[in-house]
Amino acid sequence: MRSGVACLAAVSLGIIGFGVVVVIAPPSGDALLYRADGLASIGLGFFGGLLAVMPFRRRERWAWFALWFYPVFWVAHLVGQLPPGKDHIHQVVFIVLSLAGLLVPVREFFSTARTPA
């Protein structure tokens, strides 16, 4: 369970970090739009991080399902060639981390001997 939480927390911190960078130093263009996107990214990272360290760690099944947003989000970014960056290596890393975070502890969420919270 610890490794799953750590992987998902790392993805959350990466999203928060991207948001902070965009808010502080938006790329050239529509600075207000970029700052708004950065603030939304910070919120998404905090929300996912809270899900990972609280209900997910308590083995609440709904949190496991909700956190599938992370790999879907990163696959959409990769397939759509969306920012941040142009090399897209970080997107592959975040896909792998989020899938590992969800799949490594999967037995803890769906075992028959699971006790209700």
PDB file of N, CA and C in Angstrom:
ATOM      1  N   MET A   1       0.830  -1.193   0.000  1.00  0.00           N
ATOM      2  CA  MET A   1       0.000   0.000   0.000  1.00  0.00           C
ATOM      3  C   MET A   1       0.873   1.254   0.000  1.00  0.00           C
ATOM      4  N   ARG A   2       1.974   1.190   0.741  1.00  0.00           N
ATOM      5  CA  ARG A   2       2.844   2.376   0.808  1.00  0.00           C
ATOM      6  C   ARG A   2       3.387   2.774  -0.546  1.00  0.00           C
ATOM      7  N   SER A   3       3.785   1.776  -1.335  1.00  0.00           N
ATOM      8  CA  SER A   3       4.340   2.107  -2.652  1.00  0.00           C
ATOM      9  C   SER A   3       3.265   2.706  -3.558  1.00  0.00           C
ATOM     10  N   GLY A   4       2.033   2.220  -3.457  1.00  0.00           N
ATOM     11  CA  GLY A   4       0.943   2.785  -4.242  1.00  0.00           C
ATOM     12  C   GLY A   4       0.677   4.231  -3.876  1.00  0.00           C
ATOM     13  N   VAL A   5       0.618   4.498  -2.593  1.00  0.00           N
ATOM     14  CA  VAL A   5       0.405   5.878  -2.129  1.00  0.00           C
ATOM     15  C   VAL A   5       1.565   6.764  -2.568  1.00  0.00           C
ATOM     16  N   ALA A   6       2.792   6.256  -2.466  1.00  0.00           N
ATOM     17  CA  ALA A   6       3.975   7.041  -2.852  1.00  0.00           C
ATOM     18  C   ALA A   6       3.941   7.383  -4.342  1.00  0.00           C
ATOM     19  N   CYS A   7       3.573   6.422  -5.178  1.00  0.00           N
ATOM     20  CA  CYS A   7       3.494   6.676  -6.622  1.00  0.00           C
ATOM     21  C   CYS A   7       2.445   7.736  -6.939  1.00  0.00           C
ATOM     22  N   LEU A   8       1.271   7.606  -6.343  1.00  0.00           N
ATOM     23  CA  LEU A   8       0.205   8.564  -6.603  1.00  0.00           C
ATOM     24  C   LEU A   8       0.534   9.944  -6.032  1.00  0.00           C
ATOM     25  N   ALA A   9       1.202   9.974  -4.882  1.00  0.00           N
ATOM     26  CA  ALA A   9       1.625  11.254  -4.307  1.00  0.00           C
ATOM     27  C   ALA A   9       2.668  11.925  -5.193  1.00  0.00           C
ATOM     28  N   ALA A  10       3.550  11.131  -5.807  1.00  0.00           N
ATOM     29  CA  ALA A  10       4.557  11.693  -6.713  1.00  0.00           C
ATOM     30  C   ALA A  10       3.896  12.328  -7.936  1.00  0.00           C
ATOM     31  N   VAL A  11       2.876  11.684  -8.469  1.00  0.00           N
ATOM     32  CA  VAL A  11       2.139  12.262  -9.596  1.00  0.00           C
ATOM     33  C   VAL A  11       1.465  13.561  -9.163  1.00  0.00           C
ATOM     34  N   SER A  12       0.880  13.563  -7.976  1.00  0.00           N
ATOM     35  CA  SER A  12       0.231  14.769  -7.458  1.00  0.00           C
ATOM     36  C   SER A  12       1.232  15.907  -7.309  1.00  0.00           C
ATOM     37  N   LEU A  13       2.393  15.608  -6.753  1.00  0.00           N
ATOM     38  CA  LEU A  13       3.423  16.643  -6.593  1.00  0.00           C
ATOM     39  C   LEU A  13       3.918  17.167  -7.933  1.00  0.00           C
ATOM     40  N   GLY A  14       4.018  16.286  -8.930  1.00  0.00           N
ATOM     41  CA  GLY A  14       4.415  16.733 -10.263  1.00  0.00           C
ATOM     42  C   GLY A  14       3.415  17.700 -10.863  1.00  0.00           C
ATOM     43  N   ILE A  15       2.137  17.405 -10.684  1.00  0.00           N
ATOM     44  CA  ILE A  15       1.096  18.295 -11.206  1.00  0.00           C
ATOM     45  C   ILE A  15       1.109  19.624 -10.458  1.00  0.00           C
ATOM     46  N   ILE A  16       1.272  19.576  -9.144  1.00  0.00           N
ATOM     47  CA  ILE A  16       1.361  20.817  -8.361  1.00  0.00           C
ATOM     48  C   ILE A  16       2.565  21.637  -8.810  1.00  0.00           C
ATOM     49  N   GLY A  17       3.697  20.963  -8.988  1.00  0.00           N
ATOM     50  CA  GLY A  17       4.913  21.664  -9.426  1.00  0.00           C
ATOM     51  C   GLY A  17       4.723  22.346 -10.765  1.00  0.00           C
ATOM     52  N   PHE A  18       4.122  21.659 -11.711  1.00  0.00           N
ATOM     53  CA  PHE A  18       3.836  22.270 -13.015  1.00  0.00           C
ATOM     54  C   PHE A  18       2.951  23.495 -12.832  1.00  0.00           C
ATOM     55  N   GLY A  19       1.915  23.371 -12.018  1.00  0.00           N
ATOM     56  CA  GLY A  19       1.009  24.496 -11.801  1.00  0.00           C
ATOM     57  C   GLY A  19       1.706  25.699 -11.196  1.00  0.00           C
ATOM     58  N   VAL A  20       2.568  25.455 -10.228  1.00  0.00           N
ATOM     59  CA  VAL A  20       3.305  26.558  -9.585  1.00  0.00           C
ATOM     60  C   VAL A  20       4.201  27.266 -10.599  1.00  0.00           C
ATOM     61  N   VAL A  21       4.905  26.505 -11.422  1.00  0.00           N
ATOM     62  CA  VAL A  21       5.786  27.104 -12.432  1.00  0.00           C
ATOM     63  C   VAL A  21       4.987  27.959 -13.406  1.00  0.00           C
ATOM     64  N   VAL A  22       3.844  27.462 -13.846  1.00  0.00           N
ATOM     65  CA  VAL A  22       3.027  28.205 -14.817  1.00  0.00           C
ATOM     66  C   VAL A  22       2.438  29.464 -14.184  1.00  0.00           C
ATOM     67  N   VAL A  23       2.072  29.396 -12.917  1.00  0.00           N
ATOM     68  CA  VAL A  23       1.528  30.588 -12.248  1.00  0.00           C
ATOM     69  C   VAL A  23       2.620  31.647 -12.080  1.00  0.00           C
ATOM     70  N   ILE A  24       3.816  31.222 -11.709  1.00  0.00           N
ATOM     71  CA  ILE A  24       4.911  32.166 -11.461  1.00  0.00           C
ATOM     72  C   ILE A  24       5.488  32.729 -12.757  1.00  0.00           C
ATOM     73  N   ALA A  25       5.702  31.867 -13.744  1.00  0.00           N
ATOM     74  CA  ALA A  25       6.325  32.299 -15.004  1.00  0.00           C
ATOM     75  C   ALA A  25       5.534  31.731 -16.184  1.00  0.00           C
ATOM     76  N   PRO A  26       4.386  32.342 -16.507  1.00  0.00           N
ATOM     77  CA  PRO A  26       3.586  31.819 -17.620  1.00  0.00           C
ATOM     78  C   PRO A  26       4.315  31.991 -18.952  1.00  0.00           C
ATOM     79  N   PRO A  27       4.129  31.041 -19.881  1.00  0.00           N
ATOM     80  CA  PRO A  27       4.744  31.188 -21.206  1.00  0.00           C
ATOM     81  C   PRO A  27       4.203  32.426 -21.908  1.00  0.00           C
ATOM     82  N   SER A  28       4.905  32.831 -22.943  1.00  0.00           N
ATOM     83  CA  SER A  28       4.442  34.014 -23.681  1.00  0.00           C
ATOM     84  C   SER A  28       3.095  33.707 -24.321  1.00  0.00           C
ATOM     85  N   GLY A  29       2.290  34.706 -24.415  1.00  0.00           N
ATOM     86  CA  GLY A  29       0.929  34.534 -24.940  1.00  0.00           C
ATOM     87  C   GLY A  29      -0.064  35.100 -23.957  1.00  0.00           C
ATOM     88  N   ASP A  30      -1.148  34.433 -23.781  1.00  0.00           N
ATOM     89  CA  ASP A  30      -2.211  34.874 -22.881  1.00  0.00           C
ATOM     90  C   ASP A  30      -1.852  34.487 -21.441  1.00  0.00           C
ATOM     91  N   ALA A  31      -1.158  35.398 -20.738  1.00  0.00           N
ATOM     92  CA  ALA A  31      -0.657  35.110 -19.396  1.00  0.00           C
ATOM     93  C   ALA A  31      -1.774  34.786 -18.408  1.00  0.00           C
ATOM     94  N   LEU A  32      -2.902  35.489 -18.505  1.00  0.00           N
ATOM     95  CA  LEU A  32      -4.000  35.219 -17.575  1.00  0.00           C
ATOM     96  C   LEU A  32      -4.575  33.816 -17.764  1.00  0.00           C
ATOM     97  N   LEU A  33      -4.694  33.385 -19.002  1.00  0.00           N
ATOM     98  CA  LEU A  33      -5.195  32.036 -19.275  1.00  0.00           C
ATOM     99  C   LEU A  33      -4.224  30.981 -18.738  1.00  0.00           C
ATOM    100  N   TYR A  34      -2.923  31.197 -18.970  1.00  0.00           N
ATOM    101  CA  TYR A  34      -1.931  30.255 -18.456  1.00  0.00           C
ATOM    102  C   TYR A  34      -1.940  30.215 -16.931  1.00  0.00           C
ATOM    103  N   ARG A  35      -2.062  31.385 -16.301  1.00  0.00           N
ATOM    104  CA  ARG A  35      -2.119  31.406 -14.829  1.00  0.00           C
ATOM    105  C   ARG A  35      -3.350  30.680 -14.313  1.00  0.00           C
ATOM    106  N   ALA A  36      -4.471  30.848 -14.991  1.00  0.00           N
ATOM    107  CA  ALA A  36      -5.690  30.130 -14.595  1.00  0.00           C
ATOM    108  C   ALA A  36      -5.484  28.624 -14.736  1.00  0.00           C
ATOM    109  N   ASP A  37      -4.855  28.198 -15.825  1.00  0.00           N
ATOM    110  CA  ASP A  37      -4.549  26.776 -15.999  1.00  0.00           C
ATOM    111  C   ASP A  37      -3.605  26.283 -14.915  1.00  0.00           C
ATOM    112  N   GLY A  38      -2.638  27.125 -14.558  1.00  0.00           N
ATOM    113  CA  GLY A  38      -1.704  26.757 -13.493  1.00  0.00           C
ATOM    114  C   GLY A  38      -2.406  26.586 -12.156  1.00  0.00           C
ATOM    115  N   LEU A  39      -3.314  27.499 -11.839  1.00  0.00           N
ATOM    116  CA  LEU A  39      -4.072  27.377 -10.586  1.00  0.00           C
ATOM    117  C   LEU A  39      -4.958  26.136 -10.593  1.00  0.00           C
ATOM    118  N   ALA A  40      -5.565  25.833 -11.742  1.00  0.00           N
ATOM    119  CA  ALA A  40      -6.372  24.613 -11.849  1.00  0.00           C
ATOM    120  C   ALA A  40      -5.499  23.374 -11.656  1.00  0.00           C
ATOM    121  N   SER A  41      -4.287  23.393 -12.184  1.00  0.00           N
ATOM    122  CA  SER A  41      -3.367  22.268 -12.012  1.00  0.00           C
ATOM    123  C   SER A  41      -2.976  22.099 -10.547  1.00  0.00           C
ATOM    124  N   ILE A  42      -2.727  23.200  -9.874  1.00  0.00           N
ATOM    125  CA  ILE A  42      -2.407  23.125  -8.449  1.00  0.00           C
ATOM    126  C   ILE A  42      -3.571  22.489  -7.688  1.00  0.00           C
ATOM    127  N   GLY A  43      -4.783  22.922  -7.989  1.00  0.00           N
ATOM    128  CA  GLY A  43      -5.963  22.352  -7.335  1.00  0.00           C
ATOM    129  C   GLY A  43      -6.121  20.874  -7.629  1.00  0.00           C
ATOM    130  N   LEU A  44      -5.914  20.473  -8.876  1.00  0.00           N
ATOM    131  CA  LEU A  44      -6.005  19.068  -9.253  1.00  0.00           C
ATOM    132  C   LEU A  44      -4.958  18.245  -8.505  1.00  0.00           C
ATOM    133  N   GLY A  45      -3.748  18.757  -8.418  1.00  0.00           N
ATOM    134  CA  GLY A  45      -2.686  18.049  -7.702  1.00  0.00           C
ATOM    135  C   GLY A  45      -2.988  17.899  -6.221  1.00  0.00           C
ATOM    136  N   PHE A  46      -3.479  18.956  -5.600  1.00  0.00           N
ATOM    137  CA  PHE A  46      -3.841  18.874  -4.178  1.00  0.00           C
ATOM    138  C   PHE A  46      -4.992  17.899  -3.957  1.00  0.00           C
ATOM    139  N   PHE A  47      -5.989  17.963  -4.819  1.00  0.00           N
ATOM    140  CA  PHE A  47      -7.145  17.078  -4.689  1.00  0.00           C
ATOM    141  C   PHE A  47      -6.723  15.612  -4.821  1.00  0.00           C
ATOM    142  N   GLY A  48      -5.952  15.312  -5.851  1.00  0.00           N
ATOM    143  CA  GLY A  48      -5.466  13.943  -6.028  1.00  0.00           C
ATOM    144  C   GLY A  48      -4.557  13.501  -4.896  1.00  0.00           C
ATOM    145  N   GLY A  49      -3.723  14.419  -4.415  1.00  0.00           N
ATOM    146  CA  GLY A  49      -2.844  14.094  -3.297  1.00  0.00           C
ATOM    147  C   GLY A  49      -3.617  13.784  -2.029  1.00  0.00           C
ATOM    148  N   LEU A  50      -4.636  14.578  -1.769  1.00  0.00           N
ATOM    149  CA  LEU A  50      -5.472  14.309  -0.597  1.00  0.00           C
ATOM    150  C   LEU A  50      -6.188  12.974  -0.721  1.00  0.00           C
ATOM    151  N   LEU A  51      -6.671  12.664  -1.924  1.00  0.00           N
ATOM    152  CA  LEU A  51      -7.306  11.358  -2.133  1.00  0.00           C
ATOM    153  C   LEU A  51      -6.319  10.226  -1.877  1.00  0.00           C
ATOM    154  N   ALA A  52      -5.083  10.413  -2.319  1.00  0.00           N
ATOM    155  CA  ALA A  52      -4.072   9.355  -2.172  1.00  0.00           C
ATOM    156  C   ALA A  52      -3.668   9.136  -0.720  1.00  0.00           C
ATOM    157  N   VAL A  53      -3.518  10.199   0.039  1.00  0.00           N
ATOM    158  CA  VAL A  53      -2.990  10.037   1.402  1.00  0.00           C
ATOM    159  C   VAL A  53      -4.074   9.836   2.458  1.00  0.00           C
ATOM    160  N   MET A  54      -5.322  10.051   2.105  1.00  0.00           N
ATOM    161  CA  MET A  54      -6.375   9.830   3.101  1.00  0.00           C
ATOM    162  C   MET A  54      -7.262   8.641   2.736  1.00  0.00           C
ATOM    163  N   PRO A  55      -8.286   8.786   1.888  1.00  0.00           N
ATOM    164  CA  PRO A  55      -9.181   7.637   1.667  1.00  0.00           C
ATOM    165  C   PRO A  55      -8.519   6.466   0.934  1.00  0.00           C
ATOM    166  N   PHE A  56      -7.600   6.738   0.008  1.00  0.00           N
ATOM    167  CA  PHE A  56      -6.927   5.642  -0.690  1.00  0.00           C
ATOM    168  C   PHE A  56      -6.096   4.825   0.295  1.00  0.00           C
ATOM    169  N   ARG A  57      -5.365   5.506   1.145  1.00  0.00           N
ATOM    170  CA  ARG A  57      -4.540   4.808   2.138  1.00  0.00           C
ATOM    171  C   ARG A  57      -5.399   4.040   3.137  1.00  0.00           C
ATOM    172  N   ARG A  58      -6.626   4.513   3.376  1.00  0.00           N
ATOM    173  CA  ARG A  58      -7.563   3.787   4.252  1.00  0.00           C
ATOM    174  C   ARG A  58      -8.268   2.653   3.513  1.00  0.00           C
ATOM    175  N   ARG A  59      -7.863   2.445   2.258  1.00  0.00           N
ATOM    176  CA  ARG A  59      -8.391   1.363   1.426  1.00  0.00           C
ATOM    177  C   ARG A  59      -9.873   1.531   1.090  1.00  0.00           C
ATOM    178  N   GLU A  60     -10.296   2.756   0.915  1.00  0.00           N
ATOM    179  CA  GLU A  60     -11.672   3.023   0.512  1.00  0.00           C
ATOM    180  C   GLU A  60     -11.759   2.843  -1.008  1.00  0.00           C
ATOM    181  N   ARG A  61     -12.591   1.916  -1.409  1.00  0.00           N
ATOM    182  CA  ARG A  61     -12.652   1.502  -2.809  1.00  0.00           C
ATOM    183  C   ARG A  61     -12.996   2.656  -3.747  1.00  0.00           C
ATOM    184  N   TRP A  62     -13.850   3.575  -3.328  1.00  0.00           N
ATOM    185  CA  TRP A  62     -14.235   4.690  -4.189  1.00  0.00           C
ATOM    186  C   TRP A  62     -13.028   5.549  -4.557  1.00  0.00           C
ATOM    187  N   ALA A  63     -12.077   5.673  -3.650  1.00  0.00           N
ATOM    188  CA  ALA A  63     -10.881   6.470  -3.933  1.00  0.00           C
ATOM    189  C   ALA A  63     -10.031   5.795  -5.006  1.00  0.00           C
ATOM    190  N   TRP A  64      -9.990   4.453  -4.968  1.00  0.00           N
ATOM    191  CA  TRP A  64      -9.255   3.715  -5.997  1.00  0.00           C
ATOM    192  C   TRP A  64      -9.851   4.019  -7.368  1.00  0.00           C
ATOM    193  N   PHE A  65     -11.179   3.994  -7.460  1.00  0.00           N
ATOM    194  CA  PHE A  65     -11.832   4.295  -8.732  1.00  0.00           C
ATOM    195  C   PHE A  65     -11.616   5.760  -9.132  1.00  0.00           C
ATOM    196  N   ALA A  66     -11.725   6.674  -8.204  1.00  0.00           N
ATOM    197  CA  ALA A  66     -11.572   8.103  -8.504  1.00  0.00           C
ATOM    198  C   ALA A  66     -10.161   8.426  -8.997  1.00  0.00           C
ATOM    199  N   LEU A  67      -9.168   7.759  -8.462  1.00  0.00           N
ATOM    200  CA  LEU A  67      -7.788   8.056  -8.851  1.00  0.00           C
ATOM    201  C   LEU A  67      -7.416   7.494 -10.219  1.00  0.00           C
ATOM    202  N   TRP A  68      -8.305   6.764 -10.853  1.00  0.00           N
ATOM    203  CA  TRP A  68      -8.067   6.357 -12.240  1.00  0.00           C
ATOM    204  C   TRP A  68      -8.082   7.568 -13.161  1.00  0.00           C
ATOM    205  N   PHE A  69      -8.492   8.716 -12.629  1.00  0.00           N
ATOM    206  CA  PHE A  69      -8.413   9.941 -13.419  1.00  0.00           C
ATOM    207  C   PHE A  69      -6.968  10.230 -13.821  1.00  0.00           C
ATOM    208  N   TYR A  70      -6.005   9.937 -12.954  1.00  0.00           N
ATOM    209  CA  TYR A  70      -4.612  10.255 -13.266  1.00  0.00           C
ATOM    210  C   TYR A  70      -4.091   9.556 -14.522  1.00  0.00           C
ATOM    211  N   PRO A  71      -4.170   8.227 -14.641  1.00  0.00           N
ATOM    212  CA  PRO A  71      -3.653   7.645 -15.883  1.00  0.00           C
ATOM    213  C   PRO A  71      -4.456   8.070 -17.113  1.00  0.00           C
ATOM    214  N   VAL A  72      -5.771   8.247 -16.959  1.00  0.00           N
ATOM    215  CA  VAL A  72      -6.578   8.702 -18.096  1.00  0.00           C
ATOM    216  C   VAL A  72      -6.144  10.103 -18.519  1.00  0.00           C
ATOM    217  N   PHE A  73      -5.931  10.973 -17.554  1.00  0.00           N
ATOM    218  CA  PHE A  73      -5.476  12.345 -17.803  1.00  0.00           C
ATOM    219  C   PHE A  73      -4.152  12.353 -18.551  1.00  0.00           C
ATOM    220  N   TRP A  74      -3.199  11.558 -18.095  1.00  0.00           N
ATOM    221  CA  TRP A  74      -1.865  11.556 -18.712  1.00  0.00           C
ATOM    222  C   TRP A  74      -1.859  10.866 -20.067  1.00  0.00           C
ATOM    223  N   VAL A  75      -2.671   9.830 -20.250  1.00  0.00           N
ATOM    224  CA  VAL A  75      -2.770   9.199 -21.569  1.00  0.00           C
ATOM    225  C   VAL A  75      -3.385  10.188 -22.562  1.00  0.00           C
ATOM    226  N   ALA A  76      -4.399  10.927 -22.140  1.00  0.00           N
ATOM    227  CA  ALA A  76      -5.005  11.943 -23.014  1.00  0.00           C
ATOM    228  C   ALA A  76      -3.982  13.000 -23.398  1.00  0.00           C
ATOM    229  N   HIS A  77      -3.154  13.403 -22.455  1.00  0.00           N
ATOM    230  CA  HIS A  77      -2.103  14.383 -22.754  1.00  0.00           C
ATOM    231  C   HIS A  77      -1.096  13.821 -23.739  1.00  0.00           C
ATOM    232  N   LEU A  78      -0.727  12.564 -23.550  1.00  0.00           N
ATOM    233  CA  LEU A  78       0.256  11.948 -24.443  1.00  0.00           C
ATOM    234  C   LEU A  78      -0.314  11.766 -25.850  1.00  0.00           C
ATOM    235  N   VAL A  79      -1.505  11.202 -25.950  1.00  0.00           N
ATOM    236  CA  VAL A  79      -2.116  10.951 -27.257  1.00  0.00           C
ATOM    237  C   VAL A  79      -2.407  12.268 -27.979  1.00  0.00           C
ATOM    238  N   GLY A  80      -2.881  13.251 -27.234  1.00  0.00           N
ATOM    239  CA  GLY A  80      -3.196  14.552 -27.829  1.00  0.00           C
ATOM    240  C   GLY A  80      -2.002  15.461 -27.988  1.00  0.00           C
ATOM    241  N   GLN A  81      -0.822  14.998 -27.592  1.00  0.00           N
ATOM    242  CA  GLN A  81       0.417  15.791 -27.638  1.00  0.00           C
ATOM    243  C   GLN A  81       0.224  17.164 -26.996  1.00  0.00           C
ATOM    244  N   LEU A  82      -0.390  17.137 -25.804  1.00  0.00           N
ATOM    245  CA  LEU A  82      -0.686  18.362 -25.085  1.00  0.00           C
ATOM    246  C   LEU A  82       0.492  18.761 -24.199  1.00  0.00           C
ATOM    247  N   PRO A  83       0.556  20.029 -23.815  1.00  0.00           N
ATOM    248  CA  PRO A  83       1.615  20.459 -22.914  1.00  0.00           C
ATOM    249  C   PRO A  83       1.418  19.872 -21.526  1.00  0.00           C
ATOM    250  N   PRO A  84       2.330  19.906 -20.630  1.00  0.00           N
ATOM    251  CA  PRO A  84       3.569  20.668 -20.695  1.00  0.00           C
ATOM    252  C   PRO A  84       4.673  19.916 -21.436  1.00  0.00           C
ATOM    253  N   GLY A  85       5.571  20.672 -21.984  1.00  0.00           N
ATOM    254  CA  GLY A  85       6.752  20.118 -22.637  1.00  0.00           C
ATOM    255  C   GLY A  85       6.472  19.593 -24.031  1.00  0.00           C
ATOM    256  N   LYS A  86       7.557  19.301 -24.732  1.00  0.00           N
ATOM    257  CA  LYS A  86       7.455  18.777 -26.080  1.00  0.00           C
ATOM    258  C   LYS A  86       8.004  17.364 -26.191  1.00  0.00           C
ATOM    259  N   ASP A  87       8.751  16.912 -25.186  1.00  0.00           N
ATOM    260  CA  ASP A  87       9.352  15.585 -25.263  1.00  0.00           C
ATOM    261  C   ASP A  87       8.412  14.486 -24.783  1.00  0.00           C
ATOM    262  N   HIS A  88       7.462  14.806 -23.950  1.00  0.00           N
ATOM    263  CA  HIS A  88       6.420  13.899 -23.461  1.00  0.00           C
ATOM    264  C   HIS A  88       6.950  12.738 -22.617  1.00  0.00           C
ATOM    265  N   ILE A  89       8.216  12.762 -22.252  1.00  0.00           N
ATOM    266  CA  ILE A  89       8.771  11.704 -21.405  1.00  0.00           C
ATOM    267  C   ILE A  89       8.120  11.737 -20.030  1.00  0.00           C
ATOM    268  N   HIS A  90       7.912  12.940 -19.504  1.00  0.00           N
ATOM    269  CA  HIS A  90       7.292  13.056 -18.177  1.00  0.00           C
ATOM    270  C   HIS A  90       5.886  12.458 -18.182  1.00  0.00           C
ATOM    271  N   GLN A  91       5.179  12.549 -19.313  1.00  0.00           N
ATOM    272  CA  GLN A  91       3.831  11.989 -19.376  1.00  0.00           C
ATOM    273  C   GLN A  91       3.878  10.469 -19.276  1.00  0.00           C
ATOM    274  N   VAL A  92       4.843   9.861 -19.937  1.00  0.00           N
ATOM    275  CA  VAL A  92       5.007   8.407 -19.849  1.00  0.00           C
ATOM    276  C   VAL A  92       5.359   8.011 -18.418  1.00  0.00           C
ATOM    277  N   VAL A  93       6.234   8.776 -17.775  1.00  0.00           N
ATOM    278  CA  VAL A  93       6.614   8.497 -16.386  1.00  0.00           C
ATOM    279  C   VAL A  93       5.394   8.601 -15.478  1.00  0.00           C
ATOM    280  N   PHE A  94       4.570   9.636 -15.653  1.00  0.00           N
ATOM    281  CA  PHE A  94       3.383   9.801 -14.819  1.00  0.00           C
ATOM    282  C   PHE A  94       2.327   8.731 -15.107  1.00  0.00           C
ATOM    283  N   ILE A  95       2.241   8.263 -16.351  1.00  0.00           N
ATOM    284  CA  ILE A  95       1.329   7.154 -16.670  1.00  0.00           C
ATOM    285  C   ILE A  95       1.776   5.909 -15.914  1.00  0.00           C
ATOM    286  N   VAL A  96       3.075   5.602 -15.985  1.00  0.00           N
ATOM    287  CA  VAL A  96       3.608   4.412 -15.314  1.00  0.00           C
ATOM    288  C   VAL A  96       3.432   4.529 -13.801  1.00  0.00           C
ATOM    289  N   LEU A  97       3.758   5.692 -13.233  1.00  0.00           N
ATOM    290  CA  LEU A  97       3.614   5.879 -11.787  1.00  0.00           C
ATOM    291  C   LEU A  97       2.158   5.741 -11.339  1.00  0.00           C
ATOM    292  N   SER A  98       1.247   6.359 -12.081  1.00  0.00           N
ATOM    293  CA  SER A  98      -0.154   6.291 -11.653  1.00  0.00           C
ATOM    294  C   SER A  98      -0.717   4.877 -11.816  1.00  0.00           C
ATOM    295  N   LEU A  99      -0.340   4.184 -12.884  1.00  0.00           N
ATOM    296  CA  LEU A  99      -0.787   2.792 -13.035  1.00  0.00           C
ATOM    297  C   LEU A  99      -0.193   1.898 -11.950  1.00  0.00           C
ATOM    298  N   ALA A 100       1.081   2.099 -11.650  1.00  0.00           N
ATOM    299  CA  ALA A 100       1.706   1.314 -10.576  1.00  0.00           C
ATOM    300  C   ALA A 100       1.021   1.604  -9.244  1.00  0.00           C
ATOM    301  N   GLY A 101       0.737   2.877  -8.990  1.00  0.00           N
ATOM    302  CA  GLY A 101       0.083   3.250  -7.742  1.00  0.00           C
ATOM    303  C   GLY A 101      -1.292   2.641  -7.586  1.00  0.00           C
ATOM    304  N   LEU A 102      -1.963   2.405  -8.689  1.00  0.00           N
ATOM    305  CA  LEU A 102      -3.304   1.814  -8.634  1.00  0.00           C
ATOM    306  C   LEU A 102      -3.281   0.284  -8.687  1.00  0.00           C
ATOM    307  N   LEU A 103      -2.344  -0.282  -9.413  1.00  0.00           N
ATOM    308  CA  LEU A 103      -2.359  -1.726  -9.627  1.00  0.00           C
ATOM    309  C   LEU A 103      -1.579  -2.522  -8.586  1.00  0.00           C
ATOM    310  N   VAL A 104      -0.526  -1.929  -8.020  1.00  0.00           N
ATOM    311  CA  VAL A 104       0.243  -2.664  -7.008  1.00  0.00           C
ATOM    312  C   VAL A 104      -0.622  -3.029  -5.795  1.00  0.00           C
ATOM    313  N   PRO A 105      -1.415  -2.109  -5.245  1.00  0.00           N
ATOM    314  CA  PRO A 105      -2.231  -2.475  -4.074  1.00  0.00           C
ATOM    315  C   PRO A 105      -3.650  -2.958  -4.409  1.00  0.00           C
ATOM    316  N   VAL A 106      -3.918  -3.365  -5.655  1.00  0.00           N
ATOM    317  CA  VAL A 106      -5.293  -3.681  -6.067  1.00  0.00           C
ATOM    318  C   VAL A 106      -5.921  -4.777  -5.205  1.00  0.00           C
ATOM    319  N   ARG A 107      -5.150  -5.740  -4.749  1.00  0.00           N
ATOM    320  CA  ARG A 107      -5.701  -6.817  -3.914  1.00  0.00           C
ATOM    321  C   ARG A 107      -6.248  -6.294  -2.590  1.00  0.00           C
ATOM    322  N   GLU A 108      -5.661  -5.223  -2.097  1.00  0.00           N
ATOM    323  CA  GLU A 108      -6.119  -4.666  -0.827  1.00  0.00           C
ATOM    324  C   GLU A 108      -7.499  -4.023  -0.953  1.00  0.00           C
ATOM    325  N   PHE A 109      -7.873  -3.674  -2.162  1.00  0.00           N
ATOM    326  CA  PHE A 109      -9.183  -3.064  -2.386  1.00  0.00           C
ATOM    327  C   PHE A 109     -10.249  -4.084  -2.760  1.00  0.00           C
ATOM    328  N   PHE A 110      -9.837  -5.211  -3.322  1.00  0.00           N
ATOM    329  CA  PHE A 110     -10.801  -6.154  -3.862  1.00  0.00           C
ATOM    330  C   PHE A 110     -10.653  -7.575  -3.324  1.00  0.00           C
ATOM    331  N   SER A 111      -9.946  -7.764  -2.233  1.00  0.00           N
ATOM    332  CA  SER A 111      -9.833  -9.110  -1.683  1.00  0.00           C
ATOM    333  C   SER A 111     -11.145  -9.490  -0.986  1.00  0.00           C
ATOM    334  N   THR A 112     -11.427 -10.785  -0.943  1.00  0.00           N
ATOM    335  CA  THR A 112     -12.673 -11.236  -0.322  1.00  0.00           C
ATOM    336  C   THR A 112     -12.602 -11.163   1.193  1.00  0.00           C
ATOM    337  N   ALA A 113     -11.391 -11.131   1.733  1.00  0.00           N
ATOM    338  CA  ALA A 113     -11.222 -11.069   3.191  1.00  0.00           C
ATOM    339  C   ALA A 113     -11.190  -9.627   3.685  1.00  0.00           C
ATOM    340  N   ARG A 114     -11.498  -8.694   2.805  1.00  0.00           N
ATOM    341  CA  ARG A 114     -11.444  -7.269   3.159  1.00  0.00           C
ATOM    342  C   ARG A 114     -12.503  -6.959   4.192  1.00  0.00           C
ATOM    343  N   THR A 115     -12.089  -6.252   5.238  1.00  0.00           N
ATOM    344  CA  THR A 115     -13.040  -5.849   6.280  1.00  0.00           C
ATOM    345  C   THR A 115     -13.563  -4.458   5.956  1.00  0.00           C
ATOM    346  N   PRO A 116     -14.836  -4.190   6.175  1.00  0.00           N
ATOM    347  CA  PRO A 116     -15.372  -2.854   5.874  1.00  0.00           C
ATOM    348  C   PRO A 116     -14.753  -1.796   6.772  1.00  0.00           C
ATOM    349  N   ALA A 117     -14.607  -0.590   6.224  1.00  0.00           N
ATOM    350  CA  ALA A 117     -13.996   0.507   6.969  1.00  0.00           C
ATOM    351  C   ALA A 117     -14.952   1.068   7.992  1.00  0.00           C
TER     352      ALA A 117
END
